[in-house]
Amino acid sequence: MSQDIVSDALNQIMNAKRVEKKELIIRQSSKFLINLLEIMKKYHHINYKLTEDGLKIEILKLNKCMAIKPRYYVQTDEIEKYLRRFLPSRNFGTMIISTSKGLLTQDEAKEKNIGGSLIAYFY
């Protein structure tokens, strides 16, 4: 385990998916990770519940989720360049951006005209 809780959690989710597990428990969590998982839950890729053992995550329909390292800082007009780099096609997938208004998807960040740090992507 490294210092990056978000990257570790997304790697654990992908490892569970590769061995065809439907559920896993993540022991380390933070508010930042829970906000990211909430966005993934909103798009019906996962379902999670906070238990005394940790975060219990159920994988619903998820192809890939990865943390973006290094955390690139982007302005609104540069978002499209990184969408082409990380997502498989134009309208497929979601990128999470950490802004001064909290965690936003790429569409919300463009709509509000806010840049920020790229955190993760999933589809």
N, C-alpha and C. Protein backbone atom coordinates (compact mmCIF):
# COMPACT_ATOMS: atom_id res chain seq x y z
N MET A 1 0.84 -1.18 0.00
CA MET A 1 0.00 0.00 0.00
C MET A 1 0.88 1.24 0.00
N SER A 2 0.49 2.19 -0.80
CA SER A 2 1.23 3.43 -0.86
C SER A 2 0.52 4.51 -0.06
N GLN A 3 0.95 5.73 -0.24
CA GLN A 3 0.36 6.85 0.47
C GLN A 3 -0.92 7.35 -0.22
N ASP A 4 -1.11 6.99 -1.48
CA ASP A 4 -2.24 7.49 -2.24
C ASP A 4 -3.44 6.55 -2.08
N ILE A 5 -4.39 6.95 -1.27
CA ILE A 5 -5.55 6.11 -0.95
C ILE A 5 -6.45 5.92 -2.18
N VAL A 6 -6.62 6.98 -2.99
CA VAL A 6 -7.48 6.90 -4.17
C VAL A 6 -6.91 5.90 -5.18
N SER A 7 -5.63 6.02 -5.46
CA SER A 7 -5.00 5.11 -6.41
C SER A 7 -5.05 3.67 -5.92
N ASP A 8 -4.78 3.45 -4.64
CA ASP A 8 -4.84 2.10 -4.08
C ASP A 8 -6.24 1.51 -4.19
N ALA A 9 -7.25 2.32 -3.87
CA ALA A 9 -8.63 1.83 -3.90
C ALA A 9 -9.05 1.47 -5.33
N LEU A 10 -8.72 2.32 -6.30
CA LEU A 10 -9.09 2.03 -7.68
C LEU A 10 -8.33 0.81 -8.21
N ASN A 11 -7.08 0.64 -7.79
CA ASN A 11 -6.33 -0.57 -8.17
C ASN A 11 -6.94 -1.82 -7.57
N GLN A 12 -7.40 -1.74 -6.33
CA GLN A 12 -8.05 -2.89 -5.69
C GLN A 12 -9.35 -3.25 -6.41
N ILE A 13 -10.10 -2.23 -6.85
CA ILE A 13 -11.34 -2.48 -7.59
C ILE A 13 -11.02 -3.18 -8.91
N MET A 14 -10.01 -2.69 -9.63
CA MET A 14 -9.64 -3.31 -10.91
C MET A 14 -9.10 -4.72 -10.72
N ASN A 15 -8.32 -4.96 -9.66
CA ASN A 15 -7.82 -6.31 -9.40
C ASN A 15 -8.97 -7.27 -9.09
N ALA A 16 -9.95 -6.81 -8.33
CA ALA A 16 -11.12 -7.64 -8.03
C ALA A 16 -11.90 -7.93 -9.31
N LYS A 17 -12.01 -6.95 -10.18
CA LYS A 17 -12.73 -7.15 -11.44
C LYS A 17 -11.99 -8.15 -12.33
N ARG A 18 -10.66 -8.10 -12.34
CA ARG A 18 -9.87 -9.01 -13.18
C ARG A 18 -10.05 -10.46 -12.76
N VAL A 19 -10.21 -10.71 -11.46
CA VAL A 19 -10.42 -12.09 -11.00
C VAL A 19 -11.91 -12.41 -10.85
N GLU A 20 -12.74 -11.53 -11.42
CA GLU A 20 -14.19 -11.70 -11.51
C GLU A 20 -14.88 -11.75 -10.16
N LYS A 21 -14.38 -10.99 -9.19
CA LYS A 21 -15.09 -10.81 -7.93
C LYS A 21 -16.13 -9.72 -8.12
N LYS A 22 -17.24 -9.85 -7.44
CA LYS A 22 -18.29 -8.85 -7.52
C LYS A 22 -18.26 -7.91 -6.32
N GLU A 23 -17.64 -8.33 -5.22
CA GLU A 23 -17.58 -7.51 -4.02
C GLU A 23 -16.17 -7.51 -3.45
N LEU A 24 -15.82 -6.40 -2.80
CA LEU A 24 -14.54 -6.32 -2.10
C LEU A 24 -14.68 -5.33 -0.96
N ILE A 25 -13.74 -5.40 -0.04
CA ILE A 25 -13.70 -4.48 1.10
C ILE A 25 -12.39 -3.72 1.05
N ILE A 26 -12.50 -2.40 1.10
CA ILE A 26 -11.33 -1.53 1.14
C ILE A 26 -11.19 -1.01 2.55
N ARG A 27 -10.06 -1.28 3.16
CA ARG A 27 -9.85 -0.94 4.57
C ARG A 27 -9.57 0.55 4.78
N GLN A 28 -8.75 1.17 3.92
CA GLN A 28 -8.44 2.58 4.05
C GLN A 28 -9.44 3.41 3.28
N SER A 29 -9.89 4.49 3.88
CA SER A 29 -10.81 5.37 3.16
C SER A 29 -10.60 6.80 3.62
N SER A 30 -11.13 7.72 2.84
CA SER A 30 -11.09 9.14 3.17
C SER A 30 -12.34 9.79 2.59
N LYS A 31 -12.59 11.02 2.98
CA LYS A 31 -13.74 11.73 2.43
C LYS A 31 -13.57 11.94 0.93
N PHE A 32 -12.34 12.18 0.51
CA PHE A 32 -12.05 12.38 -0.92
C PHE A 32 -12.40 11.13 -1.71
N LEU A 33 -11.99 9.97 -1.21
CA LEU A 33 -12.30 8.70 -1.87
C LEU A 33 -13.81 8.45 -1.90
N ILE A 34 -14.49 8.74 -0.81
CA ILE A 34 -15.93 8.53 -0.74
C ILE A 34 -16.65 9.44 -1.74
N ASN A 35 -16.18 10.67 -1.91
CA ASN A 35 -16.77 11.57 -2.91
C ASN A 35 -16.57 11.03 -4.32
N LEU A 36 -15.39 10.47 -4.58
CA LEU A 36 -15.12 9.88 -5.89
C LEU A 36 -16.01 8.66 -6.12
N LEU A 37 -16.15 7.81 -5.12
CA LEU A 37 -17.01 6.63 -5.24
C LEU A 37 -18.48 7.03 -5.40
N GLU A 38 -18.86 8.16 -4.81
CA GLU A 38 -20.23 8.64 -4.95
C GLU A 38 -20.52 9.01 -6.41
N ILE A 39 -19.55 9.60 -7.09
CA ILE A 39 -19.72 9.92 -8.51
C ILE A 39 -19.82 8.63 -9.32
N MET A 40 -19.00 7.65 -9.01
CA MET A 40 -19.07 6.36 -9.71
C MET A 40 -20.41 5.69 -9.46
N LYS A 41 -20.93 5.83 -8.25
CA LYS A 41 -22.23 5.26 -7.91
C LYS A 41 -23.35 5.96 -8.68
N LYS A 42 -23.22 7.27 -8.85
CA LYS A 42 -24.22 8.05 -9.59
C LYS A 42 -24.33 7.58 -11.04
N TYR A 43 -23.22 7.13 -11.61
CA TYR A 43 -23.22 6.62 -12.98
C TYR A 43 -23.46 5.11 -13.03
N HIS A 44 -23.83 4.49 -11.92
CA HIS A 44 -24.22 3.08 -11.82
C HIS A 44 -23.09 2.11 -12.19
N HIS A 45 -21.85 2.47 -11.88
CA HIS A 45 -20.74 1.56 -12.12
C HIS A 45 -20.45 0.70 -10.89
N ILE A 46 -20.63 1.28 -9.72
CA ILE A 46 -20.42 0.54 -8.48
C ILE A 46 -21.53 0.89 -7.50
N ASN A 47 -21.55 0.15 -6.41
CA ASN A 47 -22.41 0.45 -5.27
C ASN A 47 -21.53 0.25 -4.04
N TYR A 48 -21.61 1.14 -3.08
CA TYR A 48 -20.75 0.99 -1.90
C TYR A 48 -21.54 1.25 -0.63
N LYS A 49 -21.01 0.70 0.45
CA LYS A 49 -21.61 0.89 1.77
C LYS A 49 -20.48 0.96 2.78
N LEU A 50 -20.58 1.88 3.71
CA LEU A 50 -19.58 2.03 4.76
C LEU A 50 -19.92 1.09 5.91
N THR A 51 -19.03 0.15 6.22
CA THR A 51 -19.23 -0.79 7.31
C THR A 51 -18.11 -0.62 8.33
N GLU A 52 -18.17 -1.39 9.41
CA GLU A 52 -17.10 -1.28 10.42
C GLU A 52 -15.79 -1.90 9.94
N ASP A 53 -15.85 -2.78 8.94
CA ASP A 53 -14.63 -3.36 8.36
C ASP A 53 -13.96 -2.41 7.37
N GLY A 54 -14.71 -1.50 6.80
CA GLY A 54 -14.19 -0.59 5.79
C GLY A 54 -15.28 -0.30 4.77
N LEU A 55 -14.88 0.07 3.58
CA LEU A 55 -15.83 0.31 2.50
C LEU A 55 -16.12 -1.00 1.78
N LYS A 56 -17.37 -1.40 1.77
CA LYS A 56 -17.78 -2.60 1.04
C LYS A 56 -18.27 -2.16 -0.33
N ILE A 57 -17.56 -2.57 -1.38
CA ILE A 57 -17.86 -2.13 -2.73
C ILE A 57 -18.37 -3.29 -3.56
N GLU A 58 -19.48 -3.04 -4.25
CA GLU A 58 -20.05 -4.02 -5.18
C GLU A 58 -19.86 -3.48 -6.59
N ILE A 59 -19.23 -4.26 -7.45
CA ILE A 59 -18.98 -3.85 -8.83
C ILE A 59 -20.21 -4.21 -9.66
N LEU A 60 -20.83 -3.20 -10.28
CA LEU A 60 -22.03 -3.43 -11.08
C LEU A 60 -21.68 -3.58 -12.56
N LYS A 61 -21.34 -2.51 -13.21
CA LYS A 61 -20.92 -2.57 -14.61
C LYS A 61 -19.78 -1.59 -14.79
N LEU A 62 -18.60 -2.11 -14.82
CA LEU A 62 -17.39 -1.29 -14.87
C LEU A 62 -16.39 -1.96 -15.80
N ASN A 63 -15.89 -1.23 -16.76
CA ASN A 63 -14.86 -1.76 -17.64
C ASN A 63 -13.48 -1.46 -17.09
N LYS A 64 -13.27 -0.20 -16.70
CA LYS A 64 -11.95 0.20 -16.23
C LYS A 64 -12.08 1.44 -15.35
N CYS A 65 -11.29 1.50 -14.30
CA CYS A 65 -11.17 2.71 -13.49
C CYS A 65 -9.71 2.85 -13.09
N MET A 66 -9.16 4.01 -13.30
CA MET A 66 -7.75 4.24 -13.02
C MET A 66 -7.56 5.64 -12.45
N ALA A 67 -6.58 5.76 -11.56
CA ALA A 67 -6.16 7.07 -11.09
C ALA A 67 -5.21 7.66 -12.12
N ILE A 68 -5.23 8.96 -12.26
CA ILE A 68 -4.34 9.64 -13.20
C ILE A 68 -3.12 10.13 -12.44
N LYS A 69 -1.97 9.62 -12.81
CA LYS A 69 -0.72 10.01 -12.18
C LYS A 69 0.26 10.40 -13.26
N PRO A 70 0.93 11.49 -13.20
CA PRO A 70 0.83 12.55 -12.20
C PRO A 70 -0.48 13.30 -12.35
N ARG A 71 -0.85 14.02 -11.32
CA ARG A 71 -2.09 14.77 -11.32
C ARG A 71 -1.91 16.05 -12.14
N TYR A 72 -2.30 15.98 -13.41
CA TYR A 72 -2.15 17.13 -14.29
C TYR A 72 -3.15 18.21 -13.90
N TYR A 73 -2.69 19.46 -13.94
CA TYR A 73 -3.61 20.58 -13.75
C TYR A 73 -4.08 21.03 -15.13
N VAL A 74 -5.39 21.16 -15.33
CA VAL A 74 -5.93 21.54 -16.63
C VAL A 74 -6.84 22.75 -16.48
N GLN A 75 -6.84 23.55 -17.54
CA GLN A 75 -7.81 24.62 -17.66
C GLN A 75 -8.97 24.10 -18.49
N THR A 76 -10.03 24.86 -18.55
CA THR A 76 -11.24 24.39 -19.22
C THR A 76 -11.00 24.02 -20.68
N ASP A 77 -10.21 24.81 -21.39
CA ASP A 77 -10.00 24.55 -22.81
C ASP A 77 -9.05 23.38 -23.06
N GLU A 78 -8.34 22.89 -22.04
CA GLU A 78 -7.42 21.76 -22.19
C GLU A 78 -8.05 20.41 -21.84
N ILE A 79 -9.26 20.41 -21.32
CA ILE A 79 -9.90 19.16 -20.87
C ILE A 79 -10.05 18.18 -22.03
N GLU A 80 -10.40 18.69 -23.19
CA GLU A 80 -10.64 17.82 -24.35
C GLU A 80 -9.38 17.02 -24.72
N LYS A 81 -8.23 17.63 -24.61
CA LYS A 81 -6.96 16.95 -24.93
C LYS A 81 -6.76 15.73 -24.03
N TYR A 82 -7.06 15.87 -22.75
CA TYR A 82 -6.88 14.76 -21.81
C TYR A 82 -7.99 13.73 -21.93
N LEU A 83 -9.17 14.16 -22.36
CA LEU A 83 -10.24 13.19 -22.63
C LEU A 83 -9.81 12.23 -23.73
N ARG A 84 -9.21 12.77 -24.78
CA ARG A 84 -8.73 11.93 -25.88
C ARG A 84 -7.60 11.01 -25.43
N ARG A 85 -6.80 11.47 -24.48
CA ARG A 85 -5.67 10.67 -24.01
C ARG A 85 -6.11 9.50 -23.14
N PHE A 86 -7.09 9.71 -22.26
CA PHE A 86 -7.42 8.69 -21.27
C PHE A 86 -8.67 7.88 -21.58
N LEU A 87 -9.66 8.46 -22.24
CA LEU A 87 -10.92 7.74 -22.47
C LEU A 87 -10.91 7.11 -23.86
N PRO A 88 -11.61 5.97 -24.03
CA PRO A 88 -11.55 5.25 -25.31
C PRO A 88 -12.26 5.94 -26.47
N SER A 89 -13.32 6.69 -26.21
CA SER A 89 -13.99 7.40 -27.30
C SER A 89 -14.64 8.66 -26.75
N ARG A 90 -15.17 9.47 -27.64
CA ARG A 90 -15.62 10.81 -27.29
C ARG A 90 -16.72 10.84 -26.22
N ASN A 91 -17.76 10.10 -26.37
CA ASN A 91 -18.88 10.16 -25.42
C ASN A 91 -18.96 8.91 -24.55
N PHE A 92 -17.83 8.31 -24.28
CA PHE A 92 -17.81 7.07 -23.51
C PHE A 92 -16.84 7.24 -22.35
N GLY A 93 -17.34 7.24 -21.15
CA GLY A 93 -16.50 7.34 -19.98
C GLY A 93 -16.60 8.69 -19.29
N THR A 94 -16.03 8.73 -18.09
CA THR A 94 -16.09 9.92 -17.26
C THR A 94 -14.72 10.18 -16.65
N MET A 95 -14.33 11.45 -16.63
CA MET A 95 -13.09 11.86 -15.99
C MET A 95 -13.45 12.73 -14.80
N ILE A 96 -12.78 12.50 -13.67
CA ILE A 96 -13.03 13.25 -12.45
C ILE A 96 -11.97 14.33 -12.31
N ILE A 97 -12.42 15.56 -12.04
CA ILE A 97 -11.53 16.70 -11.88
C ILE A 97 -11.76 17.31 -10.51
N SER A 98 -10.68 17.53 -9.76
CA SER A 98 -10.76 18.17 -8.46
C SER A 98 -10.64 19.68 -8.67
N THR A 99 -11.70 20.41 -8.34
CA THR A 99 -11.73 21.85 -8.55
C THR A 99 -11.94 22.57 -7.22
N SER A 100 -12.01 23.88 -7.29
CA SER A 100 -12.29 24.66 -6.08
C SER A 100 -13.74 24.48 -5.63
N LYS A 101 -14.58 23.94 -6.48
CA LYS A 101 -15.99 23.67 -6.15
C LYS A 101 -16.21 22.21 -5.76
N GLY A 102 -15.14 21.45 -5.56
CA GLY A 102 -15.25 20.03 -5.21
C GLY A 102 -14.93 19.15 -6.40
N LEU A 103 -15.23 17.87 -6.28
CA LEU A 103 -15.01 16.93 -7.37
C LEU A 103 -16.12 17.09 -8.41
N LEU A 104 -15.72 17.25 -9.68
CA LEU A 104 -16.67 17.40 -10.77
C LEU A 104 -16.29 16.46 -11.90
N THR A 105 -17.27 16.11 -12.71
CA THR A 105 -16.98 15.35 -13.94
C THR A 105 -16.52 16.35 -15.00
N GLN A 106 -16.02 15.84 -16.12
CA GLN A 106 -15.53 16.73 -17.16
C GLN A 106 -16.63 17.61 -17.72
N ASP A 107 -17.85 17.09 -17.82
CA ASP A 107 -18.96 17.87 -18.35
C ASP A 107 -19.35 19.00 -17.41
N GLU A 108 -19.40 18.71 -16.10
CA GLU A 108 -19.74 19.74 -15.12
C GLU A 108 -18.67 20.82 -15.07
N ALA A 109 -17.40 20.43 -15.19
CA ALA A 109 -16.31 21.41 -15.16
C ALA A 109 -16.37 22.32 -16.39
N LYS A 110 -16.68 21.75 -17.55
CA LYS A 110 -16.81 22.58 -18.76
C LYS A 110 -17.99 23.53 -18.64
N GLU A 111 -19.10 23.01 -18.11
CA GLU A 111 -20.30 23.81 -17.96
C GLU A 111 -20.07 25.00 -17.02
N LYS A 112 -19.36 24.76 -15.91
CA LYS A 112 -19.09 25.82 -14.94
C LYS A 112 -17.84 26.62 -15.27
N ASN A 113 -17.14 26.22 -16.33
CA ASN A 113 -15.92 26.90 -16.78
C ASN A 113 -14.86 26.95 -15.68
N ILE A 114 -14.59 25.76 -15.09
CA ILE A 114 -13.63 25.64 -14.00
C ILE A 114 -12.59 24.59 -14.39
N GLY A 115 -11.34 24.90 -14.14
CA GLY A 115 -10.27 23.93 -14.33
C GLY A 115 -9.90 23.31 -13.00
N GLY A 116 -8.94 22.38 -13.01
CA GLY A 116 -8.52 21.75 -11.78
C GLY A 116 -7.55 20.62 -12.06
N SER A 117 -7.35 19.78 -11.07
CA SER A 117 -6.43 18.65 -11.19
C SER A 117 -7.18 17.40 -11.62
N LEU A 118 -6.61 16.67 -12.57
CA LEU A 118 -7.21 15.42 -13.01
C LEU A 118 -6.95 14.37 -11.94
N ILE A 119 -7.99 13.66 -11.52
CA ILE A 119 -7.87 12.68 -10.44
C ILE A 119 -7.97 11.26 -10.97
N ALA A 120 -9.03 10.95 -11.70
CA ALA A 120 -9.27 9.57 -12.14
C ALA A 120 -10.20 9.57 -13.33
N TYR A 121 -10.33 8.39 -13.95
CA TYR A 121 -11.30 8.20 -15.01
C TYR A 121 -11.87 6.79 -14.87
N PHE A 122 -13.07 6.63 -15.39
CA PHE A 122 -13.72 5.31 -15.37
C PHE A 122 -14.69 5.22 -16.53
N TYR A 123 -14.93 3.98 -16.97
CA TYR A 123 -15.92 3.70 -18.01
C TYR A 123 -16.33 2.25 -17.92
